[in-house]
């Protein structure tokens, strides 16, 4: 359902809107996106939901009934990154997978995002545009930050949070992440970008033979973001979250110091369950899909039973 026009070309740079670098870049990305989407279950609905900051591409999966789960992807990844997780998470409830505004994907940004409050506002507007009155929110990496940021500024309509390896949330960003992020702003050989992606996943093969890896690589190469730097949440903001929250961190993550991040989350979250999986990296969703399915579904069932 392509009824919205993507931002293509440098003309969008002046307005600080996320955009594809040129028409060839969009073509490359769209080919990678469609290839990665082919690995997902067929969505029951594909929606374009309008917000004050742009139009959000939304896919709905799973049964018609139940409290939905909203999935927020990592940087440069978009909805297809949930290929390993969708079938398990959508067994017993509706699941919405989206492309983040301002990031690579089929969502289209129309207004500049200048603050964390803006980041929460567009997500809250999206939730208001969905038919259900309340839902759970699960985010990975920058999607995890987005989920917690939503709970800080616009918690209405959110039943619970699930944060997988959330970036810039419980632990500060490491210098290694800064190096990896250069892959999205500087031109570099494909082999170097592949090594950077492999570093994120603790040395796992990041070959673009894998559709999701190819999608992320294209997002880094072909799309330009103009987003504000994520605001590191204060102790008071985290302690003020009045929602059941499940945090799962990887012991081999390079995003933060995992043990310190886990300790801060345990200390501050009022209704938190914090798990540190020693063998997991930042690519935790693809490394442990069955364990994530079991852990997340058990958590959501407990939330709904209380």
C-alpha atoms as a PDB file:
ATOM      1  CA  UNK A   1       0.000   0.000   0.000  1.00  0.00           C
ATOM      2  CA  UNK A   2       2.247   2.806  -1.257  1.00  0.00           C
ATOM      3  CA  UNK A   3       0.092   5.915  -1.093  1.00  0.00           C
ATOM      4  CA  UNK A   4       2.808   8.209   0.293  1.00  0.00           C
ATOM      5  CA  UNK A   5       5.797   9.657  -1.518  1.00  0.00           C
ATOM      6  CA  UNK A   6       9.260   9.140   0.006  1.00  0.00           C
ATOM      7  CA  UNK A   7      11.628  12.005   0.726  1.00  0.00           C
ATOM      8  CA  UNK A   8      14.327  11.747  -1.940  1.00  0.00           C
ATOM      9  CA  UNK A   9      17.223  14.116  -2.501  1.00  0.00           C
ATOM     10  CA  UNK A  10      19.175  16.909  -0.839  1.00  0.00           C
ATOM     11  CA  UNK A  11      16.240  19.333  -0.995  1.00  0.00           C
ATOM     12  CA  UNK A  12      14.987  17.763   2.261  1.00  0.00           C
ATOM     13  CA  UNK A  13      18.259  18.447   4.041  1.00  0.00           C
ATOM     14  CA  UNK A  14      17.486  22.145   4.581  1.00  0.00           C
ATOM     15  CA  UNK A  15      14.319  21.238   6.433  1.00  0.00           C
ATOM     16  CA  UNK A  16      16.229  18.670   8.515  1.00  0.00           C
ATOM     17  CA  UNK A  17      14.001  15.853   7.345  1.00  0.00           C
ATOM     18  CA  UNK A  18      15.107  12.268   6.967  1.00  0.00           C
ATOM     19  CA  UNK A  19      15.574  11.428   3.293  1.00  0.00           C
ATOM     20  CA  UNK A  20      17.107   9.048   0.774  1.00  0.00           C
ATOM     21  CA  UNK A  21      20.269  10.488  -0.733  1.00  0.00           C
ATOM     22  CA  UNK A  22      19.035  10.246  -4.326  1.00  0.00           C
ATOM     23  CA  UNK A  23      16.707   8.213  -6.547  1.00  0.00           C
ATOM     24  CA  UNK A  24      19.273   5.434  -6.979  1.00  0.00           C
ATOM     25  CA  UNK A  25      19.659   5.188  -3.211  1.00  0.00           C
ATOM     26  CA  UNK A  26      15.905   4.821  -2.775  1.00  0.00           C
ATOM     27  CA  UNK A  27      15.770   2.130  -5.454  1.00  0.00           C
ATOM     28  CA  UNK A  28      18.541   0.165  -3.737  1.00  0.00           C
ATOM     29  CA  UNK A  29      16.880   0.519  -0.369  1.00  0.00           C
ATOM     30  CA  UNK A  30      13.438  -0.409  -1.628  1.00  0.00           C
ATOM     31  CA  UNK A  31      14.788  -3.554  -3.250  1.00  0.00           C
ATOM     32  CA  UNK A  32      16.471  -4.531   0.034  1.00  0.00           C
ATOM     33  CA  UNK A  33      13.312  -3.661   1.988  1.00  0.00           C
ATOM     34  CA  UNK A  34      11.006  -5.735  -0.215  1.00  0.00           C
ATOM     35  CA  UNK A  35      13.422  -8.667  -0.092  1.00  0.00           C
ATOM     36  CA  UNK A  36      13.524  -8.528   3.713  1.00  0.00           C
ATOM     37  CA  UNK A  37       9.742  -8.139   3.982  1.00  0.00           C
ATOM     38  CA  UNK A  38       9.332 -11.342   1.962  1.00  0.00           C
ATOM     39  CA  UNK A  39      10.766 -13.245   4.929  1.00  0.00           C
ATOM     40  CA  UNK A  40       7.991 -12.078   7.269  1.00  0.00           C
ATOM     41  CA  UNK A  41       4.570 -13.641   7.702  1.00  0.00           C
ATOM     42  CA  UNK A  42       1.971 -11.968   5.509  1.00  0.00           C
ATOM     43  CA  UNK A  43       0.536  -8.981   7.410  1.00  0.00           C
ATOM     44  CA  UNK A  44      -3.216  -8.930   7.919  1.00  0.00           C
ATOM     45  CA  UNK A  45      -3.193  -5.166   7.261  1.00  0.00           C
ATOM     46  CA  UNK A  46      -0.797  -2.523   5.957  1.00  0.00           C
ATOM     47  CA  UNK A  47      -1.523   1.016   7.141  1.00  0.00           C
ATOM     48  CA  UNK A  48      -0.178   4.517   6.613  1.00  0.00           C
ATOM     49  CA  UNK A  49      -1.022   6.446   9.797  1.00  0.00           C
ATOM     50  CA  UNK A  50      -0.794  10.246   9.782  1.00  0.00           C
ATOM     51  CA  UNK A  51       0.826  12.132  12.654  1.00  0.00           C
ATOM     52  CA  UNK A  52       1.867  15.766  13.142  1.00  0.00           C
ATOM     53  CA  UNK A  53       5.430  14.818  12.167  1.00  0.00           C
ATOM     54  CA  UNK A  54       4.779  12.582   9.185  1.00  0.00           C
ATOM     55  CA  UNK A  55       3.138   9.390   8.001  1.00  0.00           C
ATOM     56  CA  UNK A  56       4.018   6.099   9.687  1.00  0.00           C
ATOM     57  CA  UNK A  57       4.123   2.773   7.844  1.00  0.00           C
ATOM     58  CA  UNK A  58       2.436   0.143  10.025  1.00  0.00           C
ATOM     59  CA  UNK A  59       2.016  -3.620   9.527  1.00  0.00           C
ATOM     60  CA  UNK A  60      -0.419  -5.659  11.584  1.00  0.00           C
ATOM     61  CA  UNK A  61       0.132  -9.365  12.273  1.00  0.00           C
ATOM     62  CA  UNK A  62      -1.493 -12.051  14.373  1.00  0.00           C
ATOM     63  CA  UNK A  63      -5.048 -12.628  15.603  1.00  0.00           C
ATOM     64  CA  UNK A  64      -7.790 -10.020  15.692  1.00  0.00           C
ATOM     65  CA  UNK A  65      -8.303 -10.110  19.469  1.00  0.00           C
ATOM     66  CA  UNK A  66      -6.051  -9.329  22.402  1.00  0.00           C
ATOM     67  CA  UNK A  67      -4.007  -6.427  23.705  1.00  0.00           C
ATOM     68  CA  UNK A  68      -1.637  -5.523  20.852  1.00  0.00           C
ATOM     69  CA  UNK A  69       2.142  -5.368  21.029  1.00  0.00           C
ATOM     70  CA  UNK A  70       3.814  -2.473  19.205  1.00  0.00           C
ATOM     71  CA  UNK A  71       7.346  -3.191  17.934  1.00  0.00           C
ATOM     72  CA  UNK A  72       9.870  -0.345  17.573  1.00  0.00           C
ATOM     73  CA  UNK A  73      12.962  -1.265  15.507  1.00  0.00           C
ATOM     74  CA  UNK A  74      16.578  -0.284  15.888  1.00  0.00           C
ATOM     75  CA  UNK A  75      18.432   2.354  13.916  1.00  0.00           C
ATOM     76  CA  UNK A  76      18.429   1.873  10.127  1.00  0.00           C
ATOM     77  CA  UNK A  77      16.535  -1.398  10.532  1.00  0.00           C
ATOM     78  CA  UNK A  78      12.761  -0.815   9.962  1.00  0.00           C
ATOM     79  CA  UNK A  79       9.945  -3.337  10.437  1.00  0.00           C
ATOM     80  CA  UNK A  80      11.563  -6.274   8.543  1.00  0.00           C
ATOM     81  CA  UNK A  81      14.218  -6.594  11.257  1.00  0.00           C
ATOM     82  CA  UNK A  82      11.646  -8.560  13.331  1.00  0.00           C
ATOM     83  CA  UNK A  83      11.782 -11.539  10.953  1.00  0.00           C
ATOM     84  CA  UNK A  84      13.106 -13.849  13.685  1.00  0.00           C
ATOM     85  CA  UNK A  85      10.522 -12.752  16.262  1.00  0.00           C
ATOM     86  CA  UNK A  86       7.194 -11.996  14.608  1.00  0.00           C
ATOM     87  CA  UNK A  87       5.768 -15.493  14.355  1.00  0.00           C
ATOM     88  CA  UNK A  88       6.412 -16.200  18.036  1.00  0.00           C
ATOM     89  CA  UNK A  89       5.216 -12.868  19.367  1.00  0.00           C
ATOM     90  CA  UNK A  90       2.061 -12.859  17.227  1.00  0.00           C
ATOM     91  CA  UNK A  91       0.823 -16.320  18.257  1.00  0.00           C
ATOM     92  CA  UNK A  92      -1.625 -15.067  20.871  1.00  0.00           C
ATOM     93  CA  UNK A  93      -2.037 -11.331  20.250  1.00  0.00           C
ATOM     94  CA  UNK A  94      -2.062  -8.702  17.514  1.00  0.00           C
ATOM     95  CA  UNK A  95       1.358  -7.259  16.751  1.00  0.00           C
ATOM     96  CA  UNK A  96       2.072  -3.939  15.046  1.00  0.00           C
ATOM     97  CA  UNK A  97       5.496  -3.485  13.430  1.00  0.00           C
ATOM     98  CA  UNK A  98       6.394   0.010  12.247  1.00  0.00           C
ATOM     99  CA  UNK A  99       9.120   2.031  10.551  1.00  0.00           C
ATOM    100  CA  UNK A 100      10.288   4.902  12.764  1.00  0.00           C
ATOM    101  CA  UNK A 101       9.782   8.469  11.537  1.00  0.00           C
ATOM    102  CA  UNK A 102      13.117  10.014  10.590  1.00  0.00           C
ATOM    103  CA  UNK A 103      14.823   6.627  10.149  1.00  0.00           C
ATOM    104  CA  UNK A 104      15.296   4.521   7.041  1.00  0.00           C
ATOM    105  CA  UNK A 105      12.054   2.826   6.072  1.00  0.00           C
ATOM    106  CA  UNK A 106       8.759   3.593   4.390  1.00  0.00           C
ATOM    107  CA  UNK A 107       7.560   6.110   6.965  1.00  0.00           C
ATOM    108  CA  UNK A 108       7.875   9.676   5.673  1.00  0.00           C
ATOM    109  CA  UNK A 109       8.911  12.589   7.888  1.00  0.00           C
ATOM    110  CA  UNK A 110       7.233  15.936   7.109  1.00  0.00           C
ATOM    111  CA  UNK A 111       8.166  18.029  10.153  1.00  0.00           C
ATOM    112  CA  UNK A 112      11.468  18.484  11.943  1.00  0.00           C
ATOM    113  CA  UNK A 113      11.979  16.611  15.210  1.00  0.00           C
ATOM    114  CA  UNK A 114      13.871  18.856  17.618  1.00  0.00           C
ATOM    115  CA  UNK A 115      13.578  17.213  21.027  1.00  0.00           C
ATOM    116  CA  UNK A 116      12.801  14.095  22.997  1.00  0.00           C
ATOM    117  CA  UNK A 117       9.333  15.518  23.556  1.00  0.00           C
ATOM    118  CA  UNK A 118       8.809  15.600  19.775  1.00  0.00           C
ATOM    119  CA  UNK A 119       9.990  12.004  19.535  1.00  0.00           C
ATOM    120  CA  UNK A 120       7.388  10.998  22.117  1.00  0.00           C
ATOM    121  CA  UNK A 121       4.696  13.153  20.500  1.00  0.00           C
ATOM    122  CA  UNK A 122       4.753  11.463  17.095  1.00  0.00           C
ATOM    123  CA  UNK A 123       4.712   8.021  18.680  1.00  0.00           C
ATOM    124  CA  UNK A 124       1.799   8.993  20.943  1.00  0.00           C
ATOM    125  CA  UNK A 125      -0.009  10.346  17.893  1.00  0.00           C
ATOM    126  CA  UNK A 126       0.529   7.048  16.113  1.00  0.00           C
ATOM    127  CA  UNK A 127      -0.918   5.129  19.067  1.00  0.00           C
ATOM    128  CA  UNK A 128      -3.931   7.448  19.065  1.00  0.00           C
ATOM    129  CA  UNK A 129      -4.427   6.586  15.388  1.00  0.00           C
ATOM    130  CA  UNK A 130      -4.626   2.832  16.024  1.00  0.00           C
ATOM    131  CA  UNK A 131      -8.021   1.260  16.814  1.00  0.00           C
ATOM    132  CA  UNK A 132      -7.101  -0.185  20.228  1.00  0.00           C
ATOM    133  CA  UNK A 133      -7.241   1.943  23.370  1.00  0.00           C
ATOM    134  CA  UNK A 134      -4.126   0.443  24.969  1.00  0.00           C
ATOM    135  CA  UNK A 135      -1.132  -1.622  23.940  1.00  0.00           C
ATOM    136  CA  UNK A 136       2.222  -2.957  25.056  1.00  0.00           C
ATOM    137  CA  UNK A 137       5.380  -1.413  23.569  1.00  0.00           C
ATOM    138  CA  UNK A 138       8.551  -3.365  22.783  1.00  0.00           C
ATOM    139  CA  UNK A 139      11.659  -1.637  21.461  1.00  0.00           C
ATOM    140  CA  UNK A 140      15.146  -2.768  20.477  1.00  0.00           C
ATOM    141  CA  UNK A 141      18.203  -0.501  20.666  1.00  0.00           C
ATOM    142  CA  UNK A 142      17.092   3.025  19.688  1.00  0.00           C
ATOM    143  CA  UNK A 143      13.577   1.600  19.616  1.00  0.00           C
ATOM    144  CA  UNK A 144      14.060   0.738  23.287  1.00  0.00           C
ATOM    145  CA  UNK A 145      15.055   4.320  23.984  1.00  0.00           C
ATOM    146  CA  UNK A 146      11.968   5.472  22.056  1.00  0.00           C
ATOM    147  CA  UNK A 147       9.727   3.223  24.149  1.00  0.00           C
ATOM    148  CA  UNK A 148      11.107   4.505  27.455  1.00  0.00           C
ATOM    149  CA  UNK A 149      11.047   8.090  26.182  1.00  0.00           C
ATOM    150  CA  UNK A 150       7.362   7.618  25.337  1.00  0.00           C
ATOM    151  CA  UNK A 151       6.708   6.383  28.873  1.00  0.00           C
ATOM    152  CA  UNK A 152       8.483   9.433  30.303  1.00  0.00           C
ATOM    153  CA  UNK A 153       6.593  12.039  28.256  1.00  0.00           C
ATOM    154  CA  UNK A 154       3.391  10.441  26.891  1.00  0.00           C
ATOM    155  CA  UNK A 155       2.504   7.257  28.804  1.00  0.00           C
ATOM    156  CA  UNK A 156      -1.244   7.310  28.111  1.00  0.00           C
ATOM    157  CA  UNK A 157      -2.377   4.175  26.298  1.00  0.00           C
ATOM    158  CA  UNK A 158       0.734   2.144  27.179  1.00  0.00           C
ATOM    159  CA  UNK A 159       0.122  -1.027  29.241  1.00  0.00           C
ATOM    160  CA  UNK A 160       3.746  -2.107  29.642  1.00  0.00           C
ATOM    161  CA  UNK A 161       7.267  -1.731  28.282  1.00  0.00           C
ATOM    162  CA  UNK A 162       9.687  -4.345  26.979  1.00  0.00           C
ATOM    163  CA  UNK A 163      13.175  -2.970  26.355  1.00  0.00           C
ATOM    164  CA  UNK A 164      15.660  -5.144  24.475  1.00  0.00           C
ATOM    165  CA  UNK A 165      19.199  -3.779  24.651  1.00  0.00           C
ATOM    166  CA  UNK A 166      17.927  -0.173  24.841  1.00  0.00           C
ATOM    167  CA  UNK A 167      20.528   2.355  23.686  1.00  0.00           C
ATOM    168  CA  UNK A 168      21.278   5.545  25.663  1.00  0.00           C
ATOM    169  CA  UNK A 169      18.807   4.497  28.353  1.00  0.00           C
ATOM    170  CA  UNK A 170      20.340   2.815  31.399  1.00  0.00           C
ATOM    171  CA  UNK A 171      23.975   3.117  30.349  1.00  0.00           C
ATOM    172  CA  UNK A 172      25.846   5.782  28.404  1.00  0.00           C
ATOM    173  CA  UNK A 173      26.806   5.173  24.784  1.00  0.00           C
ATOM    174  CA  UNK A 174      30.319   3.754  24.432  1.00  0.00           C
ATOM    175  CA  UNK A 175      33.024   4.963  22.058  1.00  0.00           C
ATOM    176  CA  UNK A 176      32.541   1.770  20.067  1.00  0.00           C
ATOM    177  CA  UNK A 177      29.005   2.843  19.191  1.00  0.00           C
ATOM    178  CA  UNK A 178      30.315   6.192  17.979  1.00  0.00           C
ATOM    179  CA  UNK A 179      32.653   4.354  15.612  1.00  0.00           C
ATOM    180  CA  UNK A 180      29.835   2.147  14.314  1.00  0.00           C
ATOM    181  CA  UNK A 181      27.568   5.174  13.819  1.00  0.00           C
ATOM    182  CA  UNK A 182      30.096   6.669  11.413  1.00  0.00           C
ATOM    183  CA  UNK A 183      28.919   4.023   8.960  1.00  0.00           C
ATOM    184  CA  UNK A 184      25.654   5.903   8.561  1.00  0.00           C
ATOM    185  CA  UNK A 185      27.157   9.347   7.945  1.00  0.00           C
ATOM    186  CA  UNK A 186      30.449   8.772   6.141  1.00  0.00           C
ATOM    187  CA  UNK A 187      31.095   7.053   2.802  1.00  0.00           C
ATOM    188  CA  UNK A 188      33.076   3.877   3.326  1.00  0.00           C
ATOM    189  CA  UNK A 189      33.741   0.588   1.540  1.00  0.00           C
ATOM    190  CA  UNK A 190      31.145  -2.142   1.885  1.00  0.00           C
ATOM    191  CA  UNK A 191      33.675  -4.410   3.606  1.00  0.00           C
ATOM    192  CA  UNK A 192      34.296  -1.821   6.352  1.00  0.00           C
ATOM    193  CA  UNK A 193      30.577  -1.302   6.930  1.00  0.00           C
ATOM    194  CA  UNK A 194      30.135  -5.065   7.127  1.00  0.00           C
ATOM    195  CA  UNK A 195      32.843  -5.296   9.795  1.00  0.00           C
ATOM    196  CA  UNK A 196      31.145  -2.555  11.802  1.00  0.00           C
ATOM    197  CA  UNK A 197      27.812  -4.400  11.683  1.00  0.00           C
ATOM    198  CA  UNK A 198      29.580  -7.587  12.727  1.00  0.00           C
ATOM    199  CA  UNK A 199      31.104  -5.754  15.695  1.00  0.00           C
ATOM    200  CA  UNK A 200      27.613  -4.826  16.932  1.00  0.00           C
ATOM    201  CA  UNK A 201      26.658  -8.520  16.920  1.00  0.00           C
ATOM    202  CA  UNK A 202      29.772  -9.756  18.746  1.00  0.00           C
ATOM    203  CA  UNK A 203      31.563 -10.990  15.642  1.00  0.00           C
ATOM    204  CA  UNK A 204      28.657 -12.741  13.921  1.00  0.00           C
ATOM    205  CA  UNK A 205      28.632 -12.747  10.135  1.00  0.00           C
ATOM    206  CA  UNK A 206      26.930  -9.601   8.822  1.00  0.00           C
ATOM    207  CA  UNK A 207      26.994 -10.651   5.191  1.00  0.00           C
ATOM    208  CA  UNK A 208      24.540  -8.862   2.948  1.00  0.00           C
ATOM    209  CA  UNK A 209      23.491 -12.302   1.749  1.00  0.00           C
ATOM    210  CA  UNK A 210      21.195 -12.080   4.773  1.00  0.00           C
ATOM    211  CA  UNK A 211      18.177  -9.916   3.830  1.00  0.00           C
ATOM    212  CA  UNK A 212      17.962  -8.111   7.174  1.00  0.00           C
ATOM    213  CA  UNK A 213      21.706  -7.384   7.221  1.00  0.00           C
ATOM    214  CA  UNK A 214      21.420  -6.072   3.654  1.00  0.00           C
ATOM    215  CA  UNK A 215      18.504  -3.855   4.682  1.00  0.00           C
ATOM    216  CA  UNK A 216      20.419  -2.355   7.608  1.00  0.00           C
ATOM    217  CA  UNK A 217      23.503  -1.812   5.444  1.00  0.00           C
ATOM    218  CA  UNK A 218      21.398  -0.037   2.827  1.00  0.00           C
ATOM    219  CA  UNK A 219      19.726   2.098   5.486  1.00  0.00           C
ATOM    220  CA  UNK A 220      23.133   3.191   6.764  1.00  0.00           C
ATOM    221  CA  UNK A 221      24.425   3.880   3.261  1.00  0.00           C
ATOM    222  CA  UNK A 222      21.406   5.261   1.413  1.00  0.00           C
ATOM    223  CA  UNK A 223      19.383   7.205   3.985  1.00  0.00           C
ATOM    224  CA  UNK A 224      20.248  10.433   5.812  1.00  0.00           C
ATOM    225  CA  UNK A 225      18.754  11.045   9.256  1.00  0.00           C
ATOM    226  CA  UNK A 226      18.311  14.470  10.841  1.00  0.00           C
ATOM    227  CA  UNK A 227      17.209  13.481  14.321  1.00  0.00           C
ATOM    228  CA  UNK A 228      18.064  15.073  17.661  1.00  0.00           C
ATOM    229  CA  UNK A 229      20.532  13.179  19.777  1.00  0.00           C
ATOM    230  CA  UNK A 230      18.674  10.867  22.187  1.00  0.00           C
ATOM    231  CA  UNK A 231      18.410  12.507  25.600  1.00  0.00           C
ATOM    232  CA  UNK A 232      19.848  10.306  28.338  1.00  0.00           C
ATOM    233  CA  UNK A 233      17.028   9.856  30.883  1.00  0.00           C
ATOM    234  CA  UNK A 234      17.581  11.138  34.387  1.00  0.00           C
ATOM    235  CA  UNK A 235      17.209   9.009  37.497  1.00  0.00           C
ATOM    236  CA  UNK A 236      14.037  10.917  38.334  1.00  0.00           C
ATOM    237  CA  UNK A 237      12.511  10.269  34.912  1.00  0.00           C
ATOM    238  CA  UNK A 238      13.158   6.532  35.087  1.00  0.00           C
ATOM    239  CA  UNK A 239      11.931   6.293  38.671  1.00  0.00           C
ATOM    240  CA  UNK A 240       8.765   8.134  37.653  1.00  0.00           C
ATOM    241  CA  UNK A 241       7.670   5.470  35.148  1.00  0.00           C
ATOM    242  CA  UNK A 242       4.578   3.782  36.578  1.00  0.00           C
ATOM    243  CA  UNK A 243       4.428   0.866  34.125  1.00  0.00           C
ATOM    244  CA  UNK A 244       5.434  -2.786  34.306  1.00  0.00           C
ATOM    245  CA  UNK A 245       8.784  -2.901  32.529  1.00  0.00           C
ATOM    246  CA  UNK A 246      10.856  -5.828  31.299  1.00  0.00           C
ATOM    247  CA  UNK A 247      14.488  -5.044  30.453  1.00  0.00           C
ATOM    248  CA  UNK A 248      16.698  -7.625  28.729  1.00  0.00           C
ATOM    249  CA  UNK A 249      20.387  -6.788  28.284  1.00  0.00           C
ATOM    250  CA  UNK A 250      23.152  -8.674  26.519  1.00  0.00           C
ATOM    251  CA  UNK A 251      26.290  -9.427  28.472  1.00  0.00           C
ATOM    252  CA  UNK A 252      28.384  -9.111  25.276  1.00  0.00           C
ATOM    253  CA  UNK A 253      26.852  -5.808  24.173  1.00  0.00           C
ATOM    254  CA  UNK A 254      29.125  -2.997  22.999  1.00  0.00           C
ATOM    255  CA  UNK A 255      26.343  -0.395  23.336  1.00  0.00           C
ATOM    256  CA  UNK A 256      26.862   0.182  27.053  1.00  0.00           C
ATOM    257  CA  UNK A 257      28.554  -1.409  30.053  1.00  0.00           C
ATOM    258  CA  UNK A 258      25.987  -4.212  30.526  1.00  0.00           C
ATOM    259  CA  UNK A 259      26.433  -4.865  34.258  1.00  0.00           C
ATOM    260  CA  UNK A 260      26.292  -1.169  35.126  1.00  0.00           C
ATOM    261  CA  UNK A 261      23.250  -0.653  32.902  1.00  0.00           C
ATOM    262  CA  UNK A 262      21.473  -3.591  34.562  1.00  0.00           C
ATOM    263  CA  UNK A 263      22.294  -2.252  38.028  1.00  0.00           C
ATOM    264  CA  UNK A 264      20.880   1.193  37.184  1.00  0.00           C
ATOM    265  CA  UNK A 265      17.705  -0.311  35.739  1.00  0.00           C
ATOM    266  CA  UNK A 266      17.176  -2.494  38.824  1.00  0.00           C
ATOM    267  CA  UNK A 267      17.789   0.429  41.155  1.00  0.00           C
ATOM    268  CA  UNK A 268      15.453   2.897  39.468  1.00  0.00           C
ATOM    269  CA  UNK A 269      12.541   1.045  37.865  1.00  0.00           C
ATOM    270  CA  UNK A 270       9.558   0.918  40.212  1.00  0.00           C
ATOM    271  CA  UNK A 271       7.953  -2.060  38.475  1.00  0.00           C
ATOM    272  CA  UNK A 272      10.945  -3.497  36.679  1.00  0.00           C
ATOM    273  CA  UNK A 273      12.151  -6.972  35.827  1.00  0.00           C
ATOM    274  CA  UNK A 274      15.753  -6.808  34.623  1.00  0.00           C
ATOM    275  CA  UNK A 275      17.531  -9.747  33.001  1.00  0.00           C
ATOM    276  CA  UNK A 276      21.175  -9.867  31.892  1.00  0.00           C
ATOM    277  CA  UNK A 277      21.808 -12.659  29.380  1.00  0.00           C
ATOM    278  CA  UNK A 278      25.575 -13.285  29.470  1.00  0.00           C
ATOM    279  CA  UNK A 279      25.907 -14.844  26.008  1.00  0.00           C
ATOM    280  CA  UNK A 280      23.825 -12.252  24.138  1.00  0.00           C
ATOM    281  CA  UNK A 281      25.152  -9.314  22.121  1.00  0.00           C
ATOM    282  CA  UNK A 282      23.315  -6.205  20.960  1.00  0.00           C
ATOM    283  CA  UNK A 283      21.798  -8.379  18.202  1.00  0.00           C
ATOM    284  CA  UNK A 284      19.861 -10.223  20.891  1.00  0.00           C
ATOM    285  CA  UNK A 285      16.581 -10.523  18.977  1.00  0.00           C
ATOM    286  CA  UNK A 286      18.167 -12.596  16.226  1.00  0.00           C
ATOM    287  CA  UNK A 287      20.407 -14.617  18.547  1.00  0.00           C
ATOM    288  CA  UNK A 288      17.729 -15.803  20.986  1.00  0.00           C
ATOM    289  CA  UNK A 289      14.322 -15.594  19.260  1.00  0.00           C
ATOM    290  CA  UNK A 290      12.788 -18.567  21.107  1.00  0.00           C
ATOM    291  CA  UNK A 291      13.926 -17.328  24.508  1.00  0.00           C
ATOM    292  CA  UNK A 292      12.645 -13.833  23.747  1.00  0.00           C
ATOM    293  CA  UNK A 293       9.304 -15.285  22.649  1.00  0.00           C
ATOM    294  CA  UNK A 294       8.936 -17.263  25.879  1.00  0.00           C
ATOM    295  CA  UNK A 295      10.146 -14.484  28.179  1.00  0.00           C
ATOM    296  CA  UNK A 296       8.165 -11.669  26.573  1.00  0.00           C
ATOM    297  CA  UNK A 297       4.932 -13.626  26.231  1.00  0.00           C
ATOM    298  CA  UNK A 298       5.121 -14.758  29.873  1.00  0.00           C
ATOM    299  CA  UNK A 299       5.706 -11.167  30.994  1.00  0.00           C
ATOM    300  CA  UNK A 300       2.788  -9.814  28.964  1.00  0.00           C
ATOM    301  CA  UNK A 301       0.463 -12.552  30.209  1.00  0.00           C
ATOM    302  CA  UNK A 302       1.384 -11.701  33.805  1.00  0.00           C
ATOM    303  CA  UNK A 303       0.762  -8.003  33.184  1.00  0.00           C
ATOM    304  CA  UNK A 304      -2.659  -8.697  31.731  1.00  0.00           C
ATOM    305  CA  UNK A 305      -3.581 -11.044  34.585  1.00  0.00           C
ATOM    306  CA  UNK A 306      -3.083  -8.344  37.235  1.00  0.00           C
END
